[in-house]
Amino acid sequence: MSRVVFLLIFIVCAALLGAAFYMEYVMGLEPCPLCWLQRYAFMGTGVVALLGALHGPGRLGVRIYGFFLLLTAGAGLGIAGRQLWLQNLPADQVPACGPSVEYMLEVLPWTEVLLTALRGTGDCAEVVWRFLGLSIPGWTAVFFSLMVIAGLVMMFHTRADARWKIS
């Protein structure tokens, strides 16, 4: 059963990354620094889920993979929350727009790029797309929340079940 859940999470992460690249390269939406960090969080969550699906761990392993799902998806949820906060600031409190991620990577050390990206820029506060009333970080927050819940369930699932190996 855990293999199916891990595989489903991996597929969702891959589909969301595919949607992000579609929005960037087909729709022409330029990702802001926080969008890039959310992509990396989806990549990390997807890798954890893929490893869990391939490994097919026992109960202890499921809990360990659940912890790493919680960690990566929780980080993504925090980043999405930061961007949602920026998007809801009054116009006079929005930070100034910054340089592109590509430019920052060329001229700044990676630690400074990461700190700048986490602070967010005016680009991150701009809402360029909505679906059913939610912006892109709103949707990523929904999916990260579901993955955090999945990680918590995997970590704390205690029901004795023959489908879950003991190891």
C-alpha atoms as a PDB file:
ATOM      1  CA  MET A   1       0.000   0.000   0.000  1.00  0.00           C
ATOM      2  CA  SER A   2       2.786   2.452   0.845  1.00  0.00           C
ATOM      3  CA  ARG A   3       4.356   1.904  -2.581  1.00  0.00           C
ATOM      4  CA  VAL A   4       1.140   3.052  -4.241  1.00  0.00           C
ATOM      5  CA  VAL A   5       0.974   6.179  -2.074  1.00  0.00           C
ATOM      6  CA  PHE A   6       4.625   7.012  -2.762  1.00  0.00           C
ATOM      7  CA  LEU A   7       4.121   6.448  -6.483  1.00  0.00           C
ATOM      8  CA  LEU A   8       1.029   8.660  -6.492  1.00  0.00           C
ATOM      9  CA  ILE A   9       2.924  11.456  -4.734  1.00  0.00           C
ATOM     10  CA  PHE A  10       5.762  11.131  -7.243  1.00  0.00           C
ATOM     11  CA  ILE A  11       3.313  11.343 -10.175  1.00  0.00           C
ATOM     12  CA  VAL A  12       1.629  14.421  -8.676  1.00  0.00           C
ATOM     13  CA  CYS A  13       5.012  16.125  -8.187  1.00  0.00           C
ATOM     14  CA  ALA A  14       6.055  15.304 -11.761  1.00  0.00           C
ATOM     15  CA  ALA A  15       2.738  16.594 -13.122  1.00  0.00           C
ATOM     16  CA  LEU A  16       3.009  19.821 -11.129  1.00  0.00           C
ATOM     17  CA  LEU A  17       6.561  20.382 -12.344  1.00  0.00           C
ATOM     18  CA  GLY A  18       5.345  19.711 -15.885  1.00  0.00           C
ATOM     19  CA  ALA A  19       2.629  22.324 -15.384  1.00  0.00           C
ATOM     20  CA  ALA A  20       5.229  24.795 -14.072  1.00  0.00           C
ATOM     21  CA  PHE A  21       7.428  24.302 -17.126  1.00  0.00           C
ATOM     22  CA  TYR A  22       4.375  24.601 -19.391  1.00  0.00           C
ATOM     23  CA  MET A  23       3.481  27.910 -17.733  1.00  0.00           C
ATOM     24  CA  GLU A  24       7.034  29.131 -18.157  1.00  0.00           C
ATOM     25  CA  TYR A  25       7.846  28.004 -21.684  1.00  0.00           C
ATOM     26  CA  VAL A  26       4.435  27.917 -23.376  1.00  0.00           C
ATOM     27  CA  MET A  27       2.454  30.569 -21.514  1.00  0.00           C
ATOM     28  CA  GLY A  28       5.490  32.821 -21.065  1.00  0.00           C
ATOM     29  CA  LEU A  29       5.158  33.282 -17.285  1.00  0.00           C
ATOM     30  CA  GLU A  30       8.540  34.117 -15.753  1.00  0.00           C
ATOM     31  CA  PRO A  31       9.090  32.311 -12.409  1.00  0.00           C
ATOM     32  CA  CYS A  32      10.114  34.479  -9.473  1.00  0.00           C
ATOM     33  CA  PRO A  33      12.745  33.388  -6.919  1.00  0.00           C
ATOM     34  CA  LEU A  34      10.118  31.878  -4.592  1.00  0.00           C
ATOM     35  CA  CYS A  35       8.614  29.974  -7.538  1.00  0.00           C
ATOM     36  CA  TRP A  36      12.029  28.451  -8.201  1.00  0.00           C
ATOM     37  CA  LEU A  37      12.328  27.376  -4.573  1.00  0.00           C
ATOM     38  CA  GLN A  38       8.866  25.789  -4.701  1.00  0.00           C
ATOM     39  CA  ARG A  39       9.947  23.857  -7.789  1.00  0.00           C
ATOM     40  CA  TYR A  40      12.967  22.546  -5.909  1.00  0.00           C
ATOM     41  CA  ALA A  41      10.719  21.532  -3.016  1.00  0.00           C
ATOM     42  CA  PHE A  42       8.492  19.598  -5.441  1.00  0.00           C
ATOM     43  CA  MET A  43      11.608  17.984  -6.920  1.00  0.00           C
ATOM     44  CA  GLY A  44      12.823  16.972  -3.467  1.00  0.00           C
ATOM     45  CA  THR A  45       9.416  15.645  -2.471  1.00  0.00           C
ATOM     46  CA  GLY A  46       9.162  13.755  -5.754  1.00  0.00           C
ATOM     47  CA  VAL A  47      12.599  12.175  -5.317  1.00  0.00           C
ATOM     48  CA  VAL A  48      11.739  11.062  -1.775  1.00  0.00           C
ATOM     49  CA  ALA A  49       8.453   9.590  -3.003  1.00  0.00           C
ATOM     50  CA  LEU A  50      10.109   7.845  -5.958  1.00  0.00           C
ATOM     51  CA  LEU A  51      12.725   6.297  -3.681  1.00  0.00           C
ATOM     52  CA  GLY A  52       9.973   5.137  -1.351  1.00  0.00           C
ATOM     53  CA  ALA A  53       8.032   3.624  -4.246  1.00  0.00           C
ATOM     54  CA  LEU A  54      11.088   1.812  -5.610  1.00  0.00           C
ATOM     55  CA  HIS A  55      12.246   0.649  -2.185  1.00  0.00           C
ATOM     56  CA  GLY A  56       8.910  -0.633  -0.890  1.00  0.00           C
ATOM     57  CA  PRO A  57       9.990  -0.222   2.729  1.00  0.00           C
ATOM     58  CA  GLY A  58       8.639  -1.908   5.825  1.00  0.00           C
ATOM     59  CA  ARG A  59       6.948  -0.049   8.658  1.00  0.00           C
ATOM     60  CA  LEU A  60      10.085   1.703   9.944  1.00  0.00           C
ATOM     61  CA  GLY A  61      11.132   2.644   6.420  1.00  0.00           C
ATOM     62  CA  VAL A  62       7.680   4.070   5.686  1.00  0.00           C
ATOM     63  CA  ARG A  63       8.029   6.248   8.780  1.00  0.00           C
ATOM     64  CA  ILE A  64      11.467   7.434   7.689  1.00  0.00           C
ATOM     65  CA  TYR A  65      10.282   8.251   4.170  1.00  0.00           C
ATOM     66  CA  GLY A  66       7.228   9.905   5.724  1.00  0.00           C
ATOM     67  CA  PHE A  67       9.541  12.118   7.767  1.00  0.00           C
ATOM     68  CA  PHE A  68      11.452  13.190   4.660  1.00  0.00           C
ATOM     69  CA  LEU A  69       8.167  13.824   2.823  1.00  0.00           C
ATOM     70  CA  LEU A  70       7.098  15.978   5.746  1.00  0.00           C
ATOM     71  CA  LEU A  71      10.427  17.816   5.653  1.00  0.00           C
ATOM     72  CA  THR A  72      10.495  18.571   1.905  1.00  0.00           C
ATOM     73  CA  ALA A  73       6.778  19.275   1.513  1.00  0.00           C
ATOM     74  CA  GLY A  74       6.798  21.320   4.732  1.00  0.00           C
ATOM     75  CA  ALA A  75       9.612  23.469   3.346  1.00  0.00           C
ATOM     76  CA  GLY A  76       7.626  23.951   0.147  1.00  0.00           C
ATOM     77  CA  LEU A  77       4.530  24.862   2.137  1.00  0.00           C
ATOM     78  CA  GLY A  78       6.514  27.462   4.070  1.00  0.00           C
ATOM     79  CA  ILE A  79       7.847  28.969   0.843  1.00  0.00           C
ATOM     80  CA  ALA A  80       4.370  29.028  -0.724  1.00  0.00           C
ATOM     81  CA  GLY A  81       3.062  30.654   2.456  1.00  0.00           C
ATOM     82  CA  ARG A  82       5.736  33.343   2.221  1.00  0.00           C
ATOM     83  CA  GLN A  83       4.732  34.093  -1.365  1.00  0.00           C
ATOM     84  CA  LEU A  84       1.037  34.199  -0.474  1.00  0.00           C
ATOM     85  CA  TRP A  85       1.879  36.646   2.311  1.00  0.00           C
ATOM     86  CA  LEU A  86       3.783  38.854  -0.157  1.00  0.00           C
ATOM     87  CA  GLN A  87       0.879  38.710  -2.609  1.00  0.00           C
ATOM     88  CA  ASN A  88      -1.508  39.951   0.067  1.00  0.00           C
ATOM     89  CA  LEU A  89       0.578  42.896   1.262  1.00  0.00           C
ATOM     90  CA  PRO A  90      -0.734  46.399   0.640  1.00  0.00           C
ATOM     91  CA  ALA A  91       0.840  47.891  -2.504  1.00  0.00           C
ATOM     92  CA  ASP A  92       2.990  50.343  -0.522  1.00  0.00           C
ATOM     93  CA  GLN A  93       4.581  47.513   1.500  1.00  0.00           C
ATOM     94  CA  VAL A  94       5.547  45.238  -1.403  1.00  0.00           C
ATOM     95  CA  PRO A  95       9.347  44.931  -1.707  1.00  0.00           C
ATOM     96  CA  ALA A  96      11.087  46.211  -4.809  1.00  0.00           C
ATOM     97  CA  CYS A  97      11.492  43.905  -7.785  1.00  0.00           C
ATOM     98  CA  GLY A  98      14.828  42.155  -7.979  1.00  0.00           C
ATOM     99  CA  PRO A  99      17.084  40.665 -10.624  1.00  0.00           C
ATOM    100  CA  SER A 100      16.305  37.324 -12.240  1.00  0.00           C
ATOM    101  CA  VAL A 101      17.431  34.095 -10.599  1.00  0.00           C
ATOM    102  CA  GLU A 102      19.762  33.390 -13.523  1.00  0.00           C
ATOM    103  CA  TYR A 103      21.496  36.744 -13.067  1.00  0.00           C
ATOM    104  CA  MET A 104      21.806  36.300  -9.299  1.00  0.00           C
ATOM    105  CA  LEU A 105      23.356  32.846  -9.795  1.00  0.00           C
ATOM    106  CA  GLU A 106      25.951  34.363 -12.122  1.00  0.00           C
ATOM    107  CA  VAL A 107      27.057  37.204  -9.843  1.00  0.00           C
ATOM    108  CA  LEU A 108      26.256  36.211  -6.253  1.00  0.00           C
ATOM    109  CA  PRO A 109      27.369  33.344  -4.022  1.00  0.00           C
ATOM    110  CA  TRP A 110      24.664  30.673  -3.719  1.00  0.00           C
ATOM    111  CA  THR A 111      24.039  31.515  -0.053  1.00  0.00           C
ATOM    112  CA  GLU A 112      23.168  35.099  -0.985  1.00  0.00           C
ATOM    113  CA  VAL A 113      20.943  33.870  -3.826  1.00  0.00           C
ATOM    114  CA  LEU A 114      19.103  31.607  -1.374  1.00  0.00           C
ATOM    115  CA  LEU A 115      18.643  34.375   1.216  1.00  0.00           C
ATOM    116  CA  THR A 116      17.441  36.824  -1.438  1.00  0.00           C
ATOM    117  CA  ALA A 117      15.049  34.242  -2.839  1.00  0.00           C
ATOM    118  CA  LEU A 118      13.628  33.454   0.612  1.00  0.00           C
ATOM    119  CA  ARG A 119      13.011  37.132   1.319  1.00  0.00           C
ATOM    120  CA  GLY A 120      11.096  37.410  -1.942  1.00  0.00           C
ATOM    121  CA  THR A 121      10.909  40.350  -4.294  1.00  0.00           C
ATOM    122  CA  GLY A 122       8.202  42.466  -5.846  1.00  0.00           C
ATOM    123  CA  ASP A 123       8.090  39.874  -8.641  1.00  0.00           C
ATOM    124  CA  CYS A 124       6.940  37.322  -6.079  1.00  0.00           C
ATOM    125  CA  ALA A 125       4.061  39.570  -4.991  1.00  0.00           C
ATOM    126  CA  GLU A 126       2.645  39.854  -8.504  1.00  0.00           C
ATOM    127  CA  VAL A 127      -0.332  37.595  -9.258  1.00  0.00           C
ATOM    128  CA  VAL A 128      -0.078  36.663 -12.937  1.00  0.00           C
ATOM    129  CA  TRP A 129      -2.427  33.652 -13.094  1.00  0.00           C
ATOM    130  CA  ARG A 130      -5.451  32.369 -11.199  1.00  0.00           C
ATOM    131  CA  PHE A 131      -7.524  29.213 -11.351  1.00  0.00           C
ATOM    132  CA  LEU A 132     -10.701  28.877  -9.282  1.00  0.00           C
ATOM    133  CA  GLY A 133      -9.693  31.997  -7.366  1.00  0.00           C
ATOM    134  CA  LEU A 134      -6.261  30.718  -6.280  1.00  0.00           C
ATOM    135  CA  SER A 135      -2.928  32.005  -7.542  1.00  0.00           C
ATOM    136  CA  ILE A 136      -0.029  29.684  -8.361  1.00  0.00           C
ATOM    137  CA  PRO A 137       1.390  29.706  -4.800  1.00  0.00           C
ATOM    138  CA  GLY A 138      -2.137  29.110  -3.506  1.00  0.00           C
ATOM    139  CA  TRP A 139      -2.334  25.920  -5.527  1.00  0.00           C
ATOM    140  CA  THR A 140       1.159  24.840  -4.554  1.00  0.00           C
ATOM    141  CA  ALA A 141       0.203  25.400  -0.897  1.00  0.00           C
ATOM    142  CA  VAL A 142      -2.806  23.101  -1.375  1.00  0.00           C
ATOM    143  CA  PHE A 143      -0.657  20.333  -2.866  1.00  0.00           C
ATOM    144  CA  PHE A 144       2.146  20.781  -0.335  1.00  0.00           C
ATOM    145  CA  SER A 145      -0.456  20.610   2.466  1.00  0.00           C
ATOM    146  CA  LEU A 146      -1.768  17.312   1.121  1.00  0.00           C
ATOM    147  CA  MET A 147       1.774  15.949   0.950  1.00  0.00           C
ATOM    148  CA  VAL A 148       2.519  17.120   4.494  1.00  0.00           C
ATOM    149  CA  ILE A 149      -0.601  15.281   5.657  1.00  0.00           C
ATOM    150  CA  ALA A 150       0.523  12.166   3.760  1.00  0.00           C
ATOM    151  CA  GLY A 151       3.942  12.394   5.425  1.00  0.00           C
ATOM    152  CA  LEU A 152       2.345  12.726   8.870  1.00  0.00           C
ATOM    153  CA  VAL A 153       0.046   9.759   8.248  1.00  0.00           C
ATOM    154  CA  MET A 154       3.018   7.663   7.155  1.00  0.00           C
ATOM    155  CA  MET A 155       5.039   8.698  10.182  1.00  0.00           C
ATOM    156  CA  PHE A 156       2.335   7.979  12.721  1.00  0.00           C
ATOM    157  CA  HIS A 157       0.323   5.173  11.148  1.00  0.00           C
ATOM    158  CA  THR A 158       0.126   2.577  13.917  1.00  0.00           C
ATOM    159  CA  ARG A 159      -2.582   0.183  12.744  1.00  0.00           C
ATOM    160  CA  ALA A 160      -1.273  -3.357  12.489  1.00  0.00           C
ATOM    161  CA  ASP A 161      -1.844  -4.238   8.896  1.00  0.00           C
ATOM    162  CA  ALA A 162      -0.633  -7.286   7.003  1.00  0.00           C
ATOM    163  CA  ARG A 163      -0.012  -5.164   3.934  1.00  0.00           C
ATOM    164  CA  TRP A 164       2.751  -3.238   5.755  1.00  0.00           C
ATOM    165  CA  LYS A 165       5.914  -5.250   6.262  1.00  0.00           C
ATOM    166  CA  ILE A 166       7.587  -5.110   9.660  1.00  0.00           C
ATOM    167  CA  SER A 167      11.254  -4.194   9.457  1.00  0.00           C
END
